Amino acid sequence: MPHAQPSALAIPEILDSILSCLSHEPCHLAQAIRVNKQWFSSGTYLLWRDAGCEALANIPADRRQIYAAKITSLTFSGGQEARHHEWFQNLEFSSLKHVSLDAYRPANDAPYPIRQYFQPPLESFSLYGGDLDHDLLDQLRHRAWRLRSLLIDSPGRNVEAPFFLDFISRYKSLIRIRLLYGIDHLVTQDLMLHLARRTDLIHLEIGKTCSAQLMRTISTRVTYPFRHLRVIHIALTSAAVSPAVRLMPRLINFRLDVQDAGVGVIDSLSSLSSLRLLALTFCTDTRLSIEDLLSLKKLSNLEELTIVADERYDEAVVTALEAGFSDQHFDDLVSHLPRLRCFNFLVQCTLSGAALLSLSKHCPLLEECNMLQVFDIQELESEARRNKVLFPKLRLLEVGGFCPATPNGDESAEQTPPQELIDLLKRCCFPKLKDLFVSAVDDYSEALADAFTSSDSD
């Protein structure tokens, strides 16, 4: 028996399992790797698998390869970190699975080596801004032939559309493709038809606005389009939404940027019964009807619902004021969404504190809530004084603001001081609340927000 422990620790799988228990305690792990060479080899893998590029750059050049071989994820934020590529160009990153590059732009044709990161284990490659070329993409496909996830943002103009279509078509391992901004010249009809035919594609993001005609073309030419697609983020004209929905009936995560207000879009989404996340961003002045909003009741599996205006456009507004969407309608809507965990409802409409009570009643799992309205604090205070927990899991609350309580309509009545009220609400209504934000600039709302910040720092 005295030799049982040493012999067991000599087995790599057992040693790795034991040392992994120290992975969240770097100081103790750093001590453990000094025991012997075997412990050093196993322990440094745990210490270095998620190490940053700056950490590797700080290692003496003659020892960098020891640690480069253990790194599984690298993120470069551009700027000064770009110089690291030249330092690392002769290293072999044999364990690298994930790499993210910000700004691949060689200055004045200067060398900017990044091909050393293209290794067979690589599973995801993200490039945010740069001047891609055909050779670089060819190298990526041939060296990182197991790649599962590809993100390209603002790739420059050097890559031609026919080449890019061939590149994507030949990259059979990809199941997540994200083509974001500055890429309109590459997202052609032929590319979209190819993507629709890929039977293994599960995640797609397209920054280019797609038309109704394109959706109809896909429907006509592809027998089972987007067969296994589960996650999509896409920009569509309003007329394209309905035909697009018919192409993707099995979505569970749908982020949609609606570019115009030509036709209503929300009702056509109600057929996506498997949705767990729906995020609607409207890029122009959009007026929603009561029927539009209540059609979301059919999406009873939703865990996250977002309806917002795109902040990049001054004219973007989402309103249901003219329709008269009220507390009663709001209660009807959320009563059918019991699984909500995240709720971003930035729709202009007239709601009172009763809306928050509706959320508390019907959505007990809610963790994040963001609404535009200014709420009367009296209803919340009344519930708190009855020691009623309204939101047992809520961590973040962001609202337009709060109106002070006026018992029996008497504005001169004594009000509960902000700090005392916040302490009461945190103790009774929001036991797990970590963040409270208000957008209003009135004294009372700001006093409550300041009181919350003060109590949270105590």
Protein backbone atom coordinates (compact mmCIF):
# COMPACT_ATOMS: atom_id res chain seq x y z
CA MET A 1 0.00 0.00 0.00
CA PRO A 2 2.76 2.58 0.64
CA HIS A 3 3.53 2.55 -3.09
CA ALA A 4 -0.12 2.72 -4.20
CA GLN A 5 -0.35 6.50 -4.11
CA PRO A 6 2.83 7.22 -6.10
CA SER A 7 1.99 4.56 -8.69
CA ALA A 8 -1.52 5.91 -9.11
CA LEU A 9 -0.22 9.44 -9.62
CA ALA A 10 2.10 8.10 -12.29
CA ILE A 11 -0.94 7.36 -14.45
CA PRO A 12 -1.44 10.49 -16.64
CA GLU A 13 -5.25 10.30 -16.64
CA ILE A 14 -5.40 10.17 -12.83
CA LEU A 15 -2.84 12.93 -12.42
CA ASP A 16 -4.67 15.15 -14.92
CA SER A 17 -7.93 14.60 -13.07
CA ILE A 18 -6.38 15.52 -9.73
CA LEU A 19 -4.58 18.59 -11.03
CA SER A 20 -7.71 19.78 -12.82
CA CYS A 21 -9.28 20.20 -9.38
CA LEU A 22 -6.72 22.96 -8.84
CA SER A 23 -7.43 24.70 -12.16
CA HIS A 24 -9.37 27.46 -10.38
CA GLU A 25 -6.56 27.97 -7.87
CA PRO A 26 -3.59 29.06 -10.00
CA CYS A 27 -1.30 29.64 -7.02
CA HIS A 28 -1.72 26.08 -5.74
CA LEU A 29 -1.44 24.67 -9.25
CA ALA A 30 1.77 26.64 -9.80
CA GLN A 31 3.20 25.01 -6.66
CA ALA A 32 2.11 21.54 -7.79
CA ILE A 33 3.91 21.72 -11.14
CA ARG A 34 7.23 22.06 -9.31
CA VAL A 35 7.01 18.50 -7.92
CA ASN A 36 8.55 16.75 -10.94
CA LYS A 37 8.65 16.76 -14.75
CA GLN A 38 5.42 14.78 -15.12
CA TRP A 39 3.52 17.15 -12.85
CA PHE A 40 5.05 20.08 -14.72
CA SER A 41 3.89 18.71 -18.07
CA SER A 42 0.32 18.08 -16.91
CA GLY A 43 0.00 21.19 -14.77
CA THR A 44 1.33 23.66 -17.31
CA TYR A 45 -1.26 22.47 -19.81
CA LEU A 46 -3.98 23.48 -17.34
CA LEU A 47 -2.28 26.79 -16.57
CA TRP A 48 -1.63 27.72 -20.18
CA ARG A 49 -4.58 26.38 -22.14
CA ASP A 50 -6.42 29.72 -21.87
CA ALA A 51 -3.41 31.99 -21.40
CA GLY A 52 -3.46 35.28 -23.30
CA CYS A 53 -1.11 36.29 -26.07
CA GLU A 54 0.50 38.85 -23.76
CA ALA A 55 1.44 36.11 -21.31
CA LEU A 56 3.16 34.12 -24.05
CA ALA A 57 4.93 37.24 -25.31
CA ASN A 58 6.40 37.76 -21.83
CA ILE A 59 8.08 34.35 -21.89
CA PRO A 60 11.72 34.31 -23.09
CA ALA A 61 11.85 33.48 -26.79
CA ASP A 62 13.81 30.25 -26.27
CA ARG A 63 11.08 28.86 -23.98
CA ARG A 64 7.92 30.01 -25.78
CA GLN A 65 7.45 26.76 -27.71
CA ILE A 66 7.02 24.83 -24.45
CA TYR A 67 3.94 26.86 -23.61
CA ALA A 68 2.69 27.59 -27.13
CA ALA A 69 2.08 23.87 -27.59
CA LYS A 70 -0.30 23.88 -24.61
CA ILE A 71 -2.45 26.89 -25.53
CA THR A 72 -5.96 26.03 -26.75
CA SER A 73 -7.38 29.55 -27.21
CA LEU A 74 -5.88 32.86 -28.35
CA THR A 75 -7.50 36.28 -28.75
CA PHE A 76 -5.71 39.24 -30.31
CA SER A 77 -7.33 42.63 -29.88
CA GLY A 78 -5.32 44.43 -32.54
CA GLY A 79 -3.20 47.51 -32.00
CA GLN A 80 -0.06 46.75 -30.03
CA GLU A 81 -0.86 43.04 -29.88
CA ALA A 82 -0.35 42.79 -33.65
CA ARG A 83 3.42 42.77 -33.11
CA HIS A 84 3.10 39.41 -31.36
CA HIS A 85 2.36 37.63 -34.63
CA GLU A 86 5.91 38.20 -35.84
CA TRP A 87 7.29 36.99 -32.52
CA PHE A 88 5.17 33.83 -32.73
CA GLN A 89 5.58 33.04 -36.43
CA ASN A 90 7.97 30.10 -35.90
CA LEU A 91 6.02 28.54 -33.04
CA GLU A 92 3.84 25.47 -33.40
CA PHE A 93 0.47 25.84 -31.68
CA SER A 94 -0.33 22.14 -31.77
CA SER A 95 -3.23 22.31 -29.27
CA LEU A 96 -4.87 25.50 -30.54
CA LYS A 97 -8.65 25.15 -30.98
CA HIS A 98 -9.88 28.75 -31.02
CA VAL A 99 -8.30 31.91 -32.40
CA SER A 100 -9.76 35.41 -32.75
CA LEU A 101 -7.99 38.21 -34.63
CA ASP A 102 -8.92 41.89 -34.55
CA ALA A 103 -7.59 43.83 -37.55
CA TYR A 104 -5.56 41.66 -39.90
CA ARG A 105 -4.08 44.59 -41.81
CA PRO A 106 -0.41 44.48 -42.75
CA ALA A 107 0.94 48.03 -42.75
CA ASN A 108 2.51 49.07 -46.06
CA ASP A 109 2.91 45.47 -47.20
CA ALA A 110 4.82 44.66 -44.02
CA PRO A 111 4.87 41.00 -42.96
CA TYR A 112 1.95 40.08 -40.75
CA PRO A 113 2.24 36.33 -40.19
CA ILE A 114 -0.82 34.56 -38.81
CA ARG A 115 -0.58 31.22 -40.62
CA GLN A 116 1.10 29.62 -37.60
CA TYR A 117 -2.32 29.55 -35.95
CA PHE A 118 -3.78 27.39 -38.74
CA GLN A 119 -3.40 23.97 -37.14
CA PRO A 120 -5.37 20.71 -37.57
CA PRO A 121 -6.97 20.95 -34.07
CA LEU A 122 -8.39 24.43 -34.85
CA GLU A 123 -12.18 24.45 -34.40
CA SER A 124 -13.07 28.14 -34.63
CA PHE A 125 -11.51 31.09 -36.45
CA SER A 126 -12.76 34.66 -36.07
CA LEU A 127 -11.44 37.66 -37.97
CA TYR A 128 -12.74 41.13 -37.13
CA GLY A 129 -11.54 43.50 -39.81
CA GLY A 130 -8.68 42.93 -42.20
CA ASP A 131 -7.48 42.50 -45.74
CA LEU A 132 -8.08 38.86 -46.53
CA ASP A 133 -6.67 37.36 -49.69
CA HIS A 134 -7.13 34.13 -51.61
CA ASP A 135 -3.88 32.59 -50.41
CA LEU A 136 -4.70 33.15 -46.75
CA LEU A 137 -8.11 31.51 -47.07
CA ASP A 138 -6.60 28.58 -48.98
CA GLN A 139 -4.03 28.11 -46.23
CA LEU A 140 -6.77 28.17 -43.61
CA ARG A 141 -8.83 25.53 -45.39
CA HIS A 142 -5.93 23.19 -46.05
CA ARG A 143 -4.23 23.45 -42.67
CA ALA A 144 -7.27 23.75 -40.38
CA TRP A 145 -9.34 21.11 -42.08
CA ARG A 146 -11.40 20.34 -38.96
CA LEU A 147 -12.66 23.91 -38.55
CA ARG A 148 -16.25 24.02 -37.32
CA SER A 149 -16.88 27.73 -36.82
CA LEU A 150 -15.90 30.63 -39.11
CA LEU A 151 -16.52 34.34 -38.44
CA ILE A 152 -15.50 37.02 -40.95
CA ASP A 153 -16.16 40.72 -40.40
CA SER A 154 -15.02 43.53 -42.74
CA PRO A 155 -12.63 41.42 -44.85
CA GLY A 156 -11.61 44.09 -47.35
CA ARG A 157 -11.99 43.90 -51.13
CA ASN A 158 -9.19 41.53 -52.13
CA VAL A 159 -11.30 38.37 -52.06
CA GLU A 160 -13.54 37.82 -55.08
CA ALA A 161 -17.06 36.41 -54.83
CA PRO A 162 -16.51 33.30 -57.04
CA PHE A 163 -13.42 32.34 -55.03
CA PHE A 164 -15.24 32.86 -51.74
CA LEU A 165 -18.14 30.68 -52.86
CA ASP A 166 -15.67 27.93 -53.80
CA PHE A 167 -13.86 28.36 -50.47
CA ILE A 168 -17.05 27.96 -48.43
CA SER A 169 -18.32 25.12 -50.63
CA ARG A 170 -15.12 23.11 -50.18
CA TYR A 171 -14.98 23.72 -46.42
CA LYS A 172 -17.16 20.73 -45.58
CA SER A 173 -16.40 20.73 -41.85
CA LEU A 174 -18.07 24.11 -41.16
CA ILE A 175 -21.31 23.99 -39.20
CA ARG A 176 -21.29 27.61 -37.94
CA ILE A 177 -20.80 30.40 -40.49
CA ARG A 178 -20.95 34.07 -39.50
CA LEU A 179 -20.51 36.67 -42.24
CA LEU A 180 -21.05 40.03 -40.61
CA TYR A 181 -20.31 43.52 -41.95
CA GLY A 182 -18.52 44.85 -45.02
CA ILE A 183 -19.15 41.58 -46.77
CA ASP A 184 -22.05 42.39 -49.10
CA HIS A 185 -19.91 41.79 -52.19
CA LEU A 186 -19.30 38.20 -51.11
CA VAL A 187 -22.83 37.29 -50.02
CA THR A 188 -24.24 36.58 -53.45
CA GLN A 189 -27.37 34.70 -54.44
CA ASP A 190 -25.22 31.69 -55.33
CA LEU A 191 -23.62 31.71 -51.88
CA MET A 192 -27.00 31.88 -50.16
CA LEU A 193 -28.28 28.99 -52.30
CA HIS A 194 -25.24 26.97 -51.30
CA LEU A 195 -25.76 27.75 -47.61
CA ALA A 196 -29.41 26.74 -47.89
CA ARG A 197 -28.35 23.36 -49.30
CA ARG A 198 -25.82 22.57 -46.56
CA THR A 199 -27.38 19.81 -44.52
CA ASP A 200 -24.96 20.18 -41.61
CA LEU A 201 -25.27 23.95 -41.11
CA ILE A 202 -26.69 24.69 -37.66
CA HIS A 203 -25.69 28.35 -37.09
CA LEU A 204 -25.76 31.18 -39.64
CA GLU A 205 -25.26 34.94 -39.38
CA ILE A 206 -25.59 37.21 -42.39
CA GLY A 207 -24.97 40.96 -42.14
CA LYS A 208 -26.19 41.77 -45.64
CA THR A 209 -29.89 42.63 -45.95
CA CYS A 210 -31.70 39.84 -47.78
CA SER A 211 -34.75 40.43 -49.94
CA ALA A 212 -38.07 38.67 -50.39
CA GLN A 213 -37.02 37.74 -53.92
CA LEU A 214 -33.95 35.94 -52.59
CA MET A 215 -36.07 34.00 -50.09
CA ARG A 216 -38.46 32.98 -52.87
CA THR A 217 -35.56 31.90 -55.07
CA ILE A 218 -34.22 29.69 -52.30
CA SER A 219 -37.67 28.19 -51.80
CA THR A 220 -37.93 27.40 -55.51
CA ARG A 221 -34.46 25.98 -56.08
CA VAL A 222 -33.72 24.13 -52.82
CA THR A 223 -35.86 21.16 -51.86
CA TYR A 224 -35.18 21.16 -48.11
CA PRO A 225 -33.51 24.52 -47.38
CA PHE A 226 -31.61 25.02 -44.13
CA ARG A 227 -32.55 21.51 -43.08
CA HIS A 228 -30.78 21.49 -39.72
CA LEU A 229 -30.43 25.22 -39.10
CA ARG A 230 -31.19 26.06 -35.47
CA VAL A 231 -29.62 29.50 -34.94
CA ILE A 232 -29.74 32.48 -37.29
CA HIS A 233 -29.05 36.21 -37.14
CA ILE A 234 -30.12 37.90 -40.34
CA ALA A 235 -31.17 41.28 -41.72
CA LEU A 236 -34.35 41.14 -43.80
CA THR A 237 -36.72 43.51 -45.50
CA SER A 238 -40.15 43.32 -43.91
CA ALA A 239 -41.54 41.59 -47.01
CA ALA A 240 -38.86 38.90 -46.72
CA VAL A 241 -39.72 37.85 -43.18
CA SER A 242 -42.73 35.66 -43.92
CA PRO A 243 -41.06 33.66 -46.76
CA ALA A 244 -37.89 33.35 -44.68
CA VAL A 245 -39.81 31.90 -41.73
CA ARG A 246 -41.27 29.22 -43.98
CA LEU A 247 -37.74 28.17 -44.96
CA MET A 248 -36.55 27.71 -41.37
CA PRO A 249 -39.32 26.03 -39.35
CA ARG A 250 -37.02 24.39 -36.78
CA LEU A 251 -35.24 27.47 -35.46
CA ILE A 252 -34.61 27.71 -31.74
CA ASN A 253 -32.67 31.00 -31.80
CA PHE A 254 -33.79 33.81 -34.13
CA ARG A 255 -32.18 37.25 -34.17
CA LEU A 256 -33.87 39.38 -36.81
CA ASP A 257 -33.02 42.90 -37.95
CA VAL A 258 -36.05 44.32 -39.79
CA GLN A 259 -34.95 46.99 -42.24
CA ASP A 260 -38.27 48.70 -43.04
CA ALA A 261 -41.87 48.94 -41.88
CA GLY A 262 -43.51 48.05 -45.16
CA VAL A 263 -45.49 45.11 -43.81
CA GLY A 264 -46.08 43.66 -40.36
CA VAL A 265 -43.69 40.88 -39.41
CA ILE A 266 -44.44 39.66 -35.89
CA ASP A 267 -47.52 37.59 -36.66
CA SER A 268 -45.59 35.51 -39.21
CA LEU A 269 -43.16 34.46 -36.46
CA SER A 270 -45.83 32.73 -34.39
CA SER A 271 -45.39 29.48 -36.34
CA LEU A 272 -41.85 29.03 -34.96
CA SER A 273 -43.09 27.09 -31.96
CA SER A 274 -39.65 25.72 -31.02
CA LEU A 275 -38.11 29.16 -30.49
CA ARG A 276 -36.30 29.68 -27.21
CA LEU A 277 -34.79 33.03 -28.17
CA LEU A 278 -36.38 35.74 -30.29
CA ALA A 279 -34.65 39.09 -30.72
CA LEU A 280 -36.35 41.65 -32.96
CA THR A 281 -34.49 44.83 -33.87
CA PHE A 282 -36.38 47.41 -35.91
CA CYS A 283 -34.34 49.85 -37.99
CA THR A 284 -37.05 52.42 -38.68
CA ASP A 285 -40.23 53.93 -37.20
CA THR A 286 -42.36 50.85 -36.46
CA ARG A 287 -45.90 50.82 -35.13
CA LEU A 288 -47.09 47.58 -33.59
CA SER A 289 -50.70 46.54 -33.13
CA ILE A 290 -52.16 44.72 -30.16
CA GLU A 291 -52.61 41.69 -32.42
CA ASP A 292 -48.93 41.81 -33.38
CA LEU A 293 -47.76 41.63 -29.80
CA LEU A 294 -50.34 39.09 -28.64
CA SER A 295 -49.39 36.76 -31.49
CA LEU A 296 -46.20 36.11 -29.51
CA LYS A 297 -48.30 34.14 -27.02
CA LYS A 298 -47.90 31.13 -29.29
CA LEU A 299 -44.16 31.07 -28.60
CA SER A 300 -44.57 29.50 -25.18
CA ASN A 301 -41.06 27.99 -25.14
CA LEU A 302 -39.34 31.38 -25.23
CA GLU A 303 -36.61 31.89 -22.67
CA GLU A 304 -35.46 35.22 -24.10
CA LEU A 305 -37.58 37.86 -25.82
CA THR A 306 -36.16 41.12 -27.12
CA ILE A 307 -38.04 43.84 -29.01
CA VAL A 308 -35.98 46.99 -29.54
CA ALA A 309 -35.27 49.84 -31.93
CA ASP A 310 -31.86 49.91 -33.57
CA GLU A 311 -29.93 52.67 -31.79
CA ARG A 312 -27.80 53.31 -34.88
CA TYR A 313 -30.75 54.96 -36.63
CA ASP A 314 -32.27 58.17 -35.28
CA GLU A 315 -35.63 57.42 -36.88
CA ALA A 316 -35.87 53.97 -35.30
CA VAL A 317 -38.75 53.80 -32.82
CA VAL A 318 -40.94 50.89 -31.76
CA THR A 319 -44.32 51.95 -30.42
CA ALA A 320 -47.70 50.51 -29.52
CA LEU A 321 -49.06 53.76 -28.08
CA GLU A 322 -51.54 54.35 -30.88
CA ALA A 323 -52.76 50.77 -30.63
CA GLY A 324 -53.49 51.20 -26.92
CA PHE A 325 -51.44 48.27 -25.68
CA SER A 326 -52.22 48.20 -21.94
CA ASP A 327 -51.53 46.42 -18.66
CA GLN A 328 -54.29 43.94 -19.47
CA HIS A 329 -52.76 43.09 -22.84
CA PHE A 330 -49.32 42.83 -21.28
CA ASP A 331 -50.62 40.40 -18.66
CA ASP A 332 -52.24 38.31 -21.39
CA LEU A 333 -48.95 38.19 -23.30
CA VAL A 334 -46.59 37.22 -20.48
CA SER A 335 -49.05 34.73 -19.01
CA HIS A 336 -48.20 32.52 -21.98
CA LEU A 337 -44.42 32.89 -21.58
CA PRO A 338 -43.67 31.07 -18.31
CA ARG A 339 -40.10 30.14 -19.26
CA LEU A 340 -38.80 33.68 -19.78
CA ARG A 341 -35.38 34.33 -18.31
CA CYS A 342 -34.44 37.47 -20.24
CA PHE A 343 -36.99 40.12 -21.26
CA ASN A 344 -36.03 43.27 -23.20
CA PHE A 345 -39.29 45.01 -24.05
CA LEU A 346 -38.30 48.45 -25.35
CA VAL A 347 -41.70 49.22 -26.84
CA GLN A 348 -43.36 52.57 -26.23
CA CYS A 349 -46.71 51.88 -24.56
CA THR A 350 -48.64 52.86 -21.46
CA LEU A 351 -47.89 50.40 -18.66
CA SER A 352 -48.06 50.78 -14.89
CA GLY A 353 -46.50 48.92 -11.99
CA ALA A 354 -49.09 46.23 -12.64
CA ALA A 355 -46.95 45.10 -15.57
CA LEU A 356 -44.10 44.26 -13.22
CA LEU A 357 -46.51 42.34 -11.01
CA SER A 358 -47.66 40.41 -14.09
CA LEU A 359 -44.08 39.46 -14.85
CA SER A 360 -43.55 38.36 -11.28
CA LYS A 361 -46.69 36.23 -11.35
CA HIS A 362 -46.20 34.52 -14.70
CA CYS A 363 -42.41 34.49 -15.19
CA PRO A 364 -40.79 33.19 -11.98
CA LEU A 365 -37.55 32.27 -13.78
CA LEU A 366 -36.87 35.85 -14.94
CA GLU A 367 -33.23 36.88 -14.50
CA GLU A 368 -32.98 40.05 -16.63
CA CYS A 369 -35.65 42.65 -17.36
CA ASN A 370 -35.35 45.83 -19.42
CA MET A 371 -38.35 48.08 -20.08
CA LEU A 372 -38.84 51.72 -21.13
CA GLN A 373 -41.61 52.64 -18.74
CA VAL A 374 -41.48 54.80 -15.63
CA PHE A 375 -43.20 52.82 -12.86
CA ASP A 376 -45.01 53.92 -9.73
CA ILE A 377 -42.96 52.61 -6.82
CA GLN A 378 -46.03 52.30 -4.57
CA GLU A 379 -47.12 48.90 -5.84
CA LEU A 380 -43.66 47.45 -5.36
CA GLU A 381 -43.40 48.93 -1.89
CA SER A 382 -46.79 47.50 -0.93
CA GLU A 383 -45.71 44.03 -2.04
CA ALA A 384 -42.43 44.38 -0.17
CA ARG A 385 -44.19 45.30 3.07
CA ARG A 386 -46.13 42.07 2.76
CA ASN A 387 -42.77 40.27 2.58
CA LYS A 388 -43.62 38.95 -0.86
CA VAL A 389 -40.75 37.85 -3.07
CA LEU A 390 -41.65 39.08 -6.54
CA PHE A 391 -38.62 38.02 -8.55
CA PRO A 392 -36.66 35.23 -6.85
CA LYS A 393 -34.07 34.99 -9.64
CA LEU A 394 -33.88 38.53 -11.04
CA ARG A 395 -30.29 39.79 -11.32
CA LEU A 396 -30.70 42.84 -13.58
CA LEU A 397 -33.50 45.39 -13.75
CA GLU A 398 -33.40 48.33 -16.14
CA VAL A 399 -36.41 50.63 -16.45
CA GLY A 400 -37.25 54.14 -17.53
CA GLY A 401 -37.49 55.25 -13.92
CA PHE A 402 -39.73 55.37 -10.85
CA CYS A 403 -42.42 57.72 -9.56
CA PRO A 404 -42.56 58.29 -5.80
CA ALA A 405 -45.40 56.71 -3.86
CA THR A 406 -48.38 58.95 -3.10
CA PRO A 407 -50.53 57.07 -0.54
CA ASN A 408 -54.25 57.72 -1.15
CA GLY A 409 -53.27 60.28 -3.78
CA ASP A 410 -51.78 62.59 -1.15
CA GLU A 411 -48.62 64.00 -2.69
CA SER A 412 -47.70 65.67 0.59
CA ALA A 413 -47.69 62.36 2.47
CA GLU A 414 -44.39 61.26 3.95
CA GLN A 415 -42.39 59.04 1.60
CA THR A 416 -40.07 56.21 2.50
CA PRO A 417 -36.47 57.46 2.18
CA PRO A 418 -34.76 56.04 -0.94
CA GLN A 419 -32.12 54.07 0.97
CA GLU A 420 -34.66 52.50 3.29
CA LEU A 421 -36.94 51.68 0.36
CA ILE A 422 -34.15 50.09 -1.67
CA ASP A 423 -33.07 47.98 1.29
CA LEU A 424 -36.67 46.85 1.72
CA LEU A 425 -37.09 45.99 -1.97
CA LYS A 426 -33.81 44.09 -2.13
CA ARG A 427 -34.63 42.12 0.98
CA CYS A 428 -38.20 41.27 0.09
CA CYS A 429 -38.86 41.66 -3.64
CA PHE A 430 -35.52 41.20 -5.40
CA PRO A 431 -33.28 39.05 -3.19
CA LYS A 432 -30.74 38.34 -5.97
CA LEU A 433 -30.75 41.70 -7.76
CA LYS A 434 -27.20 42.79 -8.65
CA ASP A 435 -27.80 45.69 -11.04
CA LEU A 436 -30.44 48.42 -11.16
CA PHE A 437 -30.38 51.01 -13.95
CA VAL A 438 -32.74 53.88 -14.77
CA SER A 439 -32.71 55.98 -17.93
CA ALA A 440 -34.75 58.87 -16.52
CA VAL A 441 -32.90 61.92 -15.22
CA ASP A 442 -35.42 62.94 -12.56
CA ASP A 443 -34.21 63.34 -8.99
CA TYR A 444 -36.29 60.52 -7.53
CA SER A 445 -35.21 57.84 -10.04
CA GLU A 446 -31.58 58.85 -9.69
CA ALA A 447 -31.85 58.81 -5.89
CA LEU A 448 -33.14 55.23 -5.97
CA ALA A 449 -30.41 54.13 -8.38
CA ASP A 450 -27.75 55.80 -6.23
CA ALA A 451 -29.19 54.18 -3.11
CA PHE A 452 -29.02 50.79 -4.79
CA THR A 453 -25.39 51.34 -5.80
CA SER A 454 -24.57 52.45 -2.29
CA SER A 455 -26.23 49.44 -0.67
CA ASP A 456 -24.55 47.09 -3.12
CA SER A 457 -21.11 48.40 -2.21
CA ASP A 458 -21.64 48.09 1.53
